[in-house]
Structure formats: structure tokens, C-alpha cells
């Protein structure tokens, strides 16, 4: 299998995971959906197969040919949509790339309908290996130390801002939050999530009380949440 094919297969698997989660909350056939940070658009294309309308935005256009969704270029975290206009918004591993993370979440809340939902996924700052550069403990340090660490080892700039589970919960005050991470750990097959770490331990997680899994969330590789306006 070529690297490009493996990457595409991985994105389709992620799309299936997202779709399986969204279907628990909304009728996709009746939903206007926005994918923020759409990248090459392979995930948005999968979403377009099951949704009423799919739009994607990004700072640059790297989308695949024959898109099944409407693409728009943006210049910042500001969303080019009216208040209360969208049913579903996806922020899938986008938050860590945005400087104004509070503004990103406020914009999502602004354009979501009152009964709308946001799928939010982001890596954990305190997972041992920083997933963008594959270096141990890179995100544990203050930004200046992380910058020096990355420059010395890979001669790159550290332009990522990861958040901890505690920090994420602070930023999401004012939202109703459903921690889907727990559901995925307990039943990865249901959510097409066999690619996640620890999926072989699903039987163990299934037996754990939610309060214990809540404690474990501080140490997981990433978080998956569904947000709704209060």
C-alpha cells in the first residue's frame, strides 16, 4: 500500500467515525454542515454523501478535484456565515492550529443554530508524543522551551498550541459538553474507531465507571467532544 493510499484510507476511516457520532445527534439528510480546516477535502466529500449540504473552509485551497461540497477561502478564524445558520460544525484537529482559540469557539457558537451541534476533536497537550512532530514531551514545556527543543532537533518552528483536558473544559464553559471520548473507548467498533490507541482495551474500559474514565481523560492522546449551546 502506498503512503498516499494509506493516508486517504485513514481519512475515510476518520470520516466514518465522525459520521457515526453525528448520526446520534442529528438527521444528516436535513442538516447544513460546515467542516472548518477542510484540508484536501476527503473527509468533507464523505460527509457530503450523507448530508443535505456540506461546506468547507480553509486558509489555503488544497482540495481534491471533483469536490462534492462548497469550498470557501478564509483569512482568519472568523466564519463567513450568518448567526444561527448552521446545523452542524466540525472542528477536527483545528483548535491547536489557531492562536485565538477563544475566538474560534465563539465564532462556532455564533453561527450554530440553537439546536445545532459542534464536533470538536483536539490532541492532548500531555500525551507523551507530540503528534505533529513526533517528539516526546514537546508540548509539556512552556512555548519558548518547546521552540528551542524543536529547532535543535528538527530546525522547525513550533506553531502548535495544544490544550490539556482541564484547560479545554475551562474554555468550554457556557456550552453543554458531551465527552464522546468515553463512548469511543468503551465501544470503538460502534464508532469506526479501530485506529485509536487502546482500542484493544475496550472490554476493560466498558467495565470501568464513567467517573474513573473521566480521570483517565487527562492522559489520553486526544479528546472528542460534542458541543451544544446552553
C-alpha atoms as a PDB file:
ATOM      1  CA  UNK A   1       0.000   0.000   0.000  1.00  0.00           C
ATOM      2  CA  UNK A   2       1.408   3.417  -0.978  1.00  0.00           C
ATOM      3  CA  UNK A   3       1.735   6.166   1.600  1.00  0.00           C
ATOM      4  CA  UNK A   4      -0.831   8.362  -0.202  1.00  0.00           C
ATOM      5  CA  UNK A   5      -3.323   5.500  -0.319  1.00  0.00           C
ATOM      6  CA  UNK A   6      -2.791   4.789   3.380  1.00  0.00           C
ATOM      7  CA  UNK A   7      -3.365   8.458   4.218  1.00  0.00           C
ATOM      8  CA  UNK A   8      -6.556   8.529   2.137  1.00  0.00           C
ATOM      9  CA  UNK A   9      -7.797   5.341   3.780  1.00  0.00           C
ATOM     10  CA  UNK A  10      -7.094   6.880   7.185  1.00  0.00           C
ATOM     11  CA  UNK A  11      -9.093   9.982   6.322  1.00  0.00           C
ATOM     12  CA  UNK A  12     -12.050   7.924   5.147  1.00  0.00           C
ATOM     13  CA  UNK A  13     -11.907   5.973   8.408  1.00  0.00           C
ATOM     14  CA  UNK A  14     -11.948   9.269  10.323  1.00  0.00           C
ATOM     15  CA  UNK A  15     -14.911  10.427   8.255  1.00  0.00           C
ATOM     16  CA  UNK A  16     -16.819   7.265   9.138  1.00  0.00           C
ATOM     17  CA  UNK A  17     -16.071   7.870  12.819  1.00  0.00           C
ATOM     18  CA  UNK A  18     -17.331  11.444  12.603  1.00  0.00           C
ATOM     19  CA  UNK A  19     -20.470  10.387  10.714  1.00  0.00           C
ATOM     20  CA  UNK A  20     -21.282   7.637  13.219  1.00  0.00           C
ATOM     21  CA  UNK A  21     -21.093  10.167  16.071  1.00  0.00           C
ATOM     22  CA  UNK A  22     -23.067  12.903  14.310  1.00  0.00           C
ATOM     23  CA  UNK A  23     -25.888  10.497  13.462  1.00  0.00           C
ATOM     24  CA  UNK A  24     -26.564  10.070  17.177  1.00  0.00           C
ATOM     25  CA  UNK A  25     -27.453  13.759  17.407  1.00  0.00           C
ATOM     26  CA  UNK A  26     -28.784  14.955  14.057  1.00  0.00           C
ATOM     27  CA  UNK A  27     -30.505  13.802  10.885  1.00  0.00           C
ATOM     28  CA  UNK A  28     -27.675  14.450   8.432  1.00  0.00           C
ATOM     29  CA  UNK A  29     -30.001  14.392   5.426  1.00  0.00           C
ATOM     30  CA  UNK A  30     -31.660  17.516   6.830  1.00  0.00           C
ATOM     31  CA  UNK A  31     -28.503  19.269   8.059  1.00  0.00           C
ATOM     32  CA  UNK A  32     -26.335  22.108   6.754  1.00  0.00           C
ATOM     33  CA  UNK A  33     -22.797  21.181   7.780  1.00  0.00           C
ATOM     34  CA  UNK A  34     -19.532  23.120   7.919  1.00  0.00           C
ATOM     35  CA  UNK A  35     -16.089  21.490   8.064  1.00  0.00           C
ATOM     36  CA  UNK A  36     -13.543  24.004   9.407  1.00  0.00           C
ATOM     37  CA  UNK A  37      -9.967  23.467   8.213  1.00  0.00           C
ATOM     38  CA  UNK A  38     -11.116  21.160   5.456  1.00  0.00           C
ATOM     39  CA  UNK A  39      -7.616  20.320   4.150  1.00  0.00           C
ATOM     40  CA  UNK A  40      -7.778  18.299   0.945  1.00  0.00           C
ATOM     41  CA  UNK A  41     -11.499  17.713   1.431  1.00  0.00           C
ATOM     42  CA  UNK A  42     -11.587  13.919   1.517  1.00  0.00           C
ATOM     43  CA  UNK A  43     -13.456  13.903   4.836  1.00  0.00           C
ATOM     44  CA  UNK A  44     -15.884  16.573   3.610  1.00  0.00           C
ATOM     45  CA  UNK A  45     -16.529  14.519   0.477  1.00  0.00           C
ATOM     46  CA  UNK A  46     -17.565  11.559   2.615  1.00  0.00           C
ATOM     47  CA  UNK A  47     -19.810  13.809   4.694  1.00  0.00           C
ATOM     48  CA  UNK A  48     -21.407  15.170   1.524  1.00  0.00           C
ATOM     49  CA  UNK A  49     -22.593  11.658   0.625  1.00  0.00           C
ATOM     50  CA  UNK A  50     -24.893  11.572   3.658  1.00  0.00           C
ATOM     51  CA  UNK A  51     -25.690  15.230   4.373  1.00  0.00           C
ATOM     52  CA  UNK A  52     -28.090  17.795   2.919  1.00  0.00           C
ATOM     53  CA  UNK A  53     -25.373  20.392   2.324  1.00  0.00           C
ATOM     54  CA  UNK A  54     -21.661  20.448   3.191  1.00  0.00           C
ATOM     55  CA  UNK A  55     -19.352  23.448   3.133  1.00  0.00           C
ATOM     56  CA  UNK A  56     -15.639  23.550   3.828  1.00  0.00           C
ATOM     57  CA  UNK A  57     -13.328  26.433   4.674  1.00  0.00           C
ATOM     58  CA  UNK A  58      -9.562  26.796   4.961  1.00  0.00           C
ATOM     59  CA  UNK A  59      -6.773  29.372   4.732  1.00  0.00           C
ATOM     60  CA  UNK A  60      -5.453  27.795   1.510  1.00  0.00           C
ATOM     61  CA  UNK A  61      -7.046  25.670  -1.182  1.00  0.00           C
ATOM     62  CA  UNK A  62      -5.621  22.136  -1.212  1.00  0.00           C
ATOM     63  CA  UNK A  63      -8.913  20.447  -2.015  1.00  0.00           C
ATOM     64  CA  UNK A  64      -9.212  17.432  -4.275  1.00  0.00           C
ATOM     65  CA  UNK A  65     -10.761  17.721  -7.763  1.00  0.00           C
ATOM     66  CA  UNK A  66     -14.457  16.903  -8.219  1.00  0.00           C
ATOM     67  CA  UNK A  67     -15.452  18.169  -4.785  1.00  0.00           C
ATOM     68  CA  UNK A  68     -18.927  17.273  -3.577  1.00  0.00           C
ATOM     69  CA  UNK A  69     -19.009  20.248  -1.196  1.00  0.00           C
ATOM     70  CA  UNK A  70     -18.820  24.032  -1.450  1.00  0.00           C
ATOM     71  CA  UNK A  71     -15.351  25.365  -0.626  1.00  0.00           C
ATOM     72  CA  UNK A  72     -14.560  28.885   0.614  1.00  0.00           C
ATOM     73  CA  UNK A  73     -11.220  30.529   1.360  1.00  0.00           C
ATOM     74  CA  UNK A  74     -10.990  32.439   4.641  1.00  0.00           C
ATOM     75  CA  UNK A  75      -8.376  34.806   6.034  1.00  0.00           C
ATOM     76  CA  UNK A  76      -8.826  34.199   9.772  1.00  0.00           C
ATOM     77  CA  UNK A  77     -10.811  32.263  12.349  1.00  0.00           C
ATOM     78  CA  UNK A  78     -13.850  34.412  11.514  1.00  0.00           C
ATOM     79  CA  UNK A  79     -16.604  32.357   9.874  1.00  0.00           C
ATOM     80  CA  UNK A  80     -18.300  33.776   6.750  1.00  0.00           C
ATOM     81  CA  UNK A  81     -21.805  32.776   7.836  1.00  0.00           C
ATOM     82  CA  UNK A  82     -24.806  34.466   9.407  1.00  0.00           C
ATOM     83  CA  UNK A  83     -25.751  33.998  13.069  1.00  0.00           C
ATOM     84  CA  UNK A  84     -27.744  30.845  13.870  1.00  0.00           C
ATOM     85  CA  UNK A  85     -27.425  29.497  10.326  1.00  0.00           C
ATOM     86  CA  UNK A  86     -25.781  26.050  10.554  1.00  0.00           C
ATOM     87  CA  UNK A  87     -26.915  22.710  11.978  1.00  0.00           C
ATOM     88  CA  UNK A  88     -23.508  21.071  12.403  1.00  0.00           C
ATOM     89  CA  UNK A  89     -19.960  22.393  12.624  1.00  0.00           C
ATOM     90  CA  UNK A  90     -16.866  20.192  12.601  1.00  0.00           C
ATOM     91  CA  UNK A  91     -13.615  21.390  14.176  1.00  0.00           C
ATOM     92  CA  UNK A  92     -11.492  18.287  13.737  1.00  0.00           C
ATOM     93  CA  UNK A  93      -7.924  18.854  14.968  1.00  0.00           C
ATOM     94  CA  UNK A  94      -8.142  22.551  14.133  1.00  0.00           C
ATOM     95  CA  UNK A  95      -8.174  24.174  17.576  1.00  0.00           C
ATOM     96  CA  UNK A  96      -4.455  23.545  18.165  1.00  0.00           C
ATOM     97  CA  UNK A  97      -3.571  25.444  14.961  1.00  0.00           C
ATOM     98  CA  UNK A  98      -5.470  28.604  15.947  1.00  0.00           C
ATOM     99  CA  UNK A  99      -3.910  31.399  18.001  1.00  0.00           C
ATOM    100  CA  UNK A 100      -7.237  32.872  19.122  1.00  0.00           C
ATOM    101  CA  UNK A 101      -8.810  29.666  20.395  1.00  0.00           C
ATOM    102  CA  UNK A 102     -11.451  31.519  22.397  1.00  0.00           C
ATOM    103  CA  UNK A 103     -12.448  33.436  19.271  1.00  0.00           C
ATOM    104  CA  UNK A 104     -12.673  30.173  17.308  1.00  0.00           C
ATOM    105  CA  UNK A 105     -15.151  28.731  19.819  1.00  0.00           C
ATOM    106  CA  UNK A 106     -17.129  31.980  19.994  1.00  0.00           C
ATOM    107  CA  UNK A 107     -17.494  32.037  16.216  1.00  0.00           C
ATOM    108  CA  UNK A 108     -18.733  28.454  16.220  1.00  0.00           C
ATOM    109  CA  UNK A 109     -21.330  29.336  18.833  1.00  0.00           C
ATOM    110  CA  UNK A 110     -22.405  32.412  16.873  1.00  0.00           C
ATOM    111  CA  UNK A 111     -23.211  30.604  13.632  1.00  0.00           C
ATOM    112  CA  UNK A 112     -24.691  27.425  15.145  1.00  0.00           C
ATOM    113  CA  UNK A 113     -28.448  27.178  15.353  1.00  0.00           C
ATOM    114  CA  UNK A 114     -29.861  26.905  18.868  1.00  0.00           C
ATOM    115  CA  UNK A 115     -30.369  23.166  18.377  1.00  0.00           C
ATOM    116  CA  UNK A 116     -27.133  22.748  16.431  1.00  0.00           C
ATOM    117  CA  UNK A 117     -24.042  20.769  17.451  1.00  0.00           C
ATOM    118  CA  UNK A 118     -20.284  21.070  17.093  1.00  0.00           C
ATOM    119  CA  UNK A 119     -17.989  18.059  16.736  1.00  0.00           C
ATOM    120  CA  UNK A 120     -14.710  19.080  18.376  1.00  0.00           C
ATOM    121  CA  UNK A 121     -11.571  16.927  18.380  1.00  0.00           C
ATOM    122  CA  UNK A 122      -8.130  18.056  19.510  1.00  0.00           C
ATOM    123  CA  UNK A 123      -4.907  16.406  20.787  1.00  0.00           C
ATOM    124  CA  UNK A 124      -3.999  16.346  24.460  1.00  0.00           C
ATOM    125  CA  UNK A 125      -1.127  18.597  25.485  1.00  0.00           C
ATOM    126  CA  UNK A 126       0.029  15.983  27.997  1.00  0.00           C
ATOM    127  CA  UNK A 127       0.177  12.981  25.706  1.00  0.00           C
ATOM    128  CA  UNK A 128       3.788  11.779  25.731  1.00  0.00           C
ATOM    129  CA  UNK A 129       4.479  12.127  21.983  1.00  0.00           C
ATOM    130  CA  UNK A 130       3.520  15.393  20.328  1.00  0.00           C
ATOM    131  CA  UNK A 131       1.707  14.082  17.263  1.00  0.00           C
ATOM    132  CA  UNK A 132       2.586  16.850  14.789  1.00  0.00           C
ATOM    133  CA  UNK A 133       6.364  16.454  15.159  1.00  0.00           C
ATOM    134  CA  UNK A 134       6.564  13.035  16.854  1.00  0.00           C
ATOM    135  CA  UNK A 135       8.848  14.209  19.630  1.00  0.00           C
ATOM    136  CA  UNK A 136       8.478  13.129  23.266  1.00  0.00           C
ATOM    137  CA  UNK A 137       7.284  15.729  25.783  1.00  0.00           C
ATOM    138  CA  UNK A 138       7.465  18.562  23.222  1.00  0.00           C
ATOM    139  CA  UNK A 139       4.142  20.079  24.279  1.00  0.00           C
ATOM    140  CA  UNK A 140       4.795  19.688  28.027  1.00  0.00           C
ATOM    141  CA  UNK A 141       7.079  22.708  28.230  1.00  0.00           C
ATOM    142  CA  UNK A 142       6.466  26.470  28.046  1.00  0.00           C
ATOM    143  CA  UNK A 143       6.356  27.633  24.418  1.00  0.00           C
ATOM    144  CA  UNK A 144       9.847  29.158  24.473  1.00  0.00           C
ATOM    145  CA  UNK A 145      11.388  25.852  25.611  1.00  0.00           C
ATOM    146  CA  UNK A 146       9.355  23.872  23.072  1.00  0.00           C
ATOM    147  CA  UNK A 147      10.543  26.243  20.333  1.00  0.00           C
ATOM    148  CA  UNK A 148      14.185  25.694  21.271  1.00  0.00           C
ATOM    149  CA  UNK A 149      13.705  21.906  21.548  1.00  0.00           C
ATOM    150  CA  UNK A 150      12.132  21.703  18.076  1.00  0.00           C
ATOM    151  CA  UNK A 151      14.697  23.999  16.432  1.00  0.00           C
ATOM    152  CA  UNK A 152      17.583  21.955  17.825  1.00  0.00           C
ATOM    153  CA  UNK A 153      16.173  18.592  16.727  1.00  0.00           C
ATOM    154  CA  UNK A 154      14.265  19.389  13.525  1.00  0.00           C
ATOM    155  CA  UNK A 155      15.044  23.006  12.676  1.00  0.00           C
ATOM    156  CA  UNK A 156      11.344  23.888  12.649  1.00  0.00           C
ATOM    157  CA  UNK A 157       9.108  26.427  14.322  1.00  0.00           C
ATOM    158  CA  UNK A 158       6.610  25.227  16.908  1.00  0.00           C
ATOM    159  CA  UNK A 159       3.372  26.863  15.789  1.00  0.00           C
ATOM    160  CA  UNK A 160       1.025  24.478  17.633  1.00  0.00           C
ATOM    161  CA  UNK A 161      -0.888  25.311  20.823  1.00  0.00           C
ATOM    162  CA  UNK A 162      -2.151  22.143  22.450  1.00  0.00           C
ATOM    163  CA  UNK A 163      -4.516  22.231  25.408  1.00  0.00           C
ATOM    164  CA  UNK A 164      -4.919  19.971  28.406  1.00  0.00           C
ATOM    165  CA  UNK A 165      -8.225  18.380  29.360  1.00  0.00           C
ATOM    166  CA  UNK A 166      -8.582  20.849  32.217  1.00  0.00           C
ATOM    167  CA  UNK A 167      -7.861  23.863  30.006  1.00  0.00           C
ATOM    168  CA  UNK A 168     -10.289  22.613  27.374  1.00  0.00           C
ATOM    169  CA  UNK A 169     -13.047  22.314  29.971  1.00  0.00           C
ATOM    170  CA  UNK A 170     -12.357  25.882  31.086  1.00  0.00           C
ATOM    171  CA  UNK A 171     -12.699  27.174  27.525  1.00  0.00           C
ATOM    172  CA  UNK A 172     -15.971  25.300  27.072  1.00  0.00           C
ATOM    173  CA  UNK A 173     -17.803  26.898  29.968  1.00  0.00           C
ATOM    174  CA  UNK A 174     -21.079  28.137  28.541  1.00  0.00           C
ATOM    175  CA  UNK A 175     -21.522  25.018  26.392  1.00  0.00           C
ATOM    176  CA  UNK A 176     -23.291  21.743  27.059  1.00  0.00           C
ATOM    177  CA  UNK A 177     -20.489  19.206  26.561  1.00  0.00           C
ATOM    178  CA  UNK A 178     -20.841  15.514  25.780  1.00  0.00           C
ATOM    179  CA  UNK A 179     -17.497  13.728  26.179  1.00  0.00           C
ATOM    180  CA  UNK A 180     -17.615  11.210  23.325  1.00  0.00           C
ATOM    181  CA  UNK A 181     -14.070  10.090  24.165  1.00  0.00           C
ATOM    182  CA  UNK A 182     -15.522   7.826  26.855  1.00  0.00           C
ATOM    183  CA  UNK A 183     -18.038   6.263  24.469  1.00  0.00           C
ATOM    184  CA  UNK A 184     -15.339   5.593  21.867  1.00  0.00           C
ATOM    185  CA  UNK A 185     -13.060   3.938  24.419  1.00  0.00           C
ATOM    186  CA  UNK A 186     -15.882   1.659  25.555  1.00  0.00           C
ATOM    187  CA  UNK A 187     -17.108   0.735  22.075  1.00  0.00           C
ATOM    188  CA  UNK A 188     -14.621   1.602  19.282  1.00  0.00           C
ATOM    189  CA  UNK A 189     -16.356  -0.732  16.824  1.00  0.00           C
ATOM    190  CA  UNK A 190     -19.607   1.215  17.025  1.00  0.00           C
ATOM    191  CA  UNK A 191     -17.765   4.426  16.129  1.00  0.00           C
ATOM    192  CA  UNK A 192     -15.430   3.010  13.455  1.00  0.00           C
ATOM    193  CA  UNK A 193     -12.505   3.897  15.709  1.00  0.00           C
ATOM    194  CA  UNK A 194     -10.224   0.875  15.487  1.00  0.00           C
ATOM    195  CA  UNK A 195      -7.347   3.202  14.611  1.00  0.00           C
ATOM    196  CA  UNK A 196      -7.265   4.852  18.050  1.00  0.00           C
ATOM    197  CA  UNK A 197      -4.730   3.868  20.730  1.00  0.00           C
ATOM    198  CA  UNK A 198      -6.059   1.459  23.380  1.00  0.00           C
ATOM    199  CA  UNK A 199      -8.898   0.146  21.176  1.00  0.00           C
ATOM    200  CA  UNK A 200      -7.871  -3.396  22.175  1.00  0.00           C
ATOM    201  CA  UNK A 201      -8.686  -2.470  25.784  1.00  0.00           C
ATOM    202  CA  UNK A 202     -12.324  -1.625  25.017  1.00  0.00           C
ATOM    203  CA  UNK A 203     -13.638  -4.502  27.156  1.00  0.00           C
ATOM    204  CA  UNK A 204     -11.712  -3.167  30.132  1.00  0.00           C
ATOM    205  CA  UNK A 205     -12.974   0.385  29.531  1.00  0.00           C
ATOM    206  CA  UNK A 206     -16.527  -0.939  29.177  1.00  0.00           C
ATOM    207  CA  UNK A 207     -16.368  -2.265  32.734  1.00  0.00           C
ATOM    208  CA  UNK A 208     -14.987   0.976  34.159  1.00  0.00           C
ATOM    209  CA  UNK A 209     -17.346   3.513  35.736  1.00  0.00           C
ATOM    210  CA  UNK A 210     -17.537   6.840  33.910  1.00  0.00           C
ATOM    211  CA  UNK A 211     -16.047   8.686  36.880  1.00  0.00           C
ATOM    212  CA  UNK A 212     -12.823   6.672  36.534  1.00  0.00           C
ATOM    213  CA  UNK A 213     -12.641   7.211  32.766  1.00  0.00           C
ATOM    214  CA  UNK A 214     -13.111  10.932  33.414  1.00  0.00           C
ATOM    215  CA  UNK A 215      -9.881  10.827  35.400  1.00  0.00           C
ATOM    216  CA  UNK A 216      -8.113   8.914  32.622  1.00  0.00           C
ATOM    217  CA  UNK A 217      -9.115  11.571  30.075  1.00  0.00           C
ATOM    218  CA  UNK A 218      -6.320  13.770  31.409  1.00  0.00           C
ATOM    219  CA  UNK A 219      -3.807  11.291  29.950  1.00  0.00           C
ATOM    220  CA  UNK A 220      -5.410  10.219  26.634  1.00  0.00           C
ATOM    221  CA  UNK A 221      -3.862  11.110  23.237  1.00  0.00           C
ATOM    222  CA  UNK A 222      -6.806  13.266  22.146  1.00  0.00           C
ATOM    223  CA  UNK A 223     -10.317  14.342  23.055  1.00  0.00           C
ATOM    224  CA  UNK A 224     -13.564  14.040  21.096  1.00  0.00           C
ATOM    225  CA  UNK A 225     -16.470  16.164  22.269  1.00  0.00           C
ATOM    226  CA  UNK A 226     -19.915  17.158  21.038  1.00  0.00           C
ATOM    227  CA  UNK A 227     -20.876  20.716  21.980  1.00  0.00           C
ATOM    228  CA  UNK A 228     -24.321  22.297  22.158  1.00  0.00           C
ATOM    229  CA  UNK A 229     -25.385  25.807  23.083  1.00  0.00           C
ATOM    230  CA  UNK A 230     -26.789  26.267  26.567  1.00  0.00           C
END
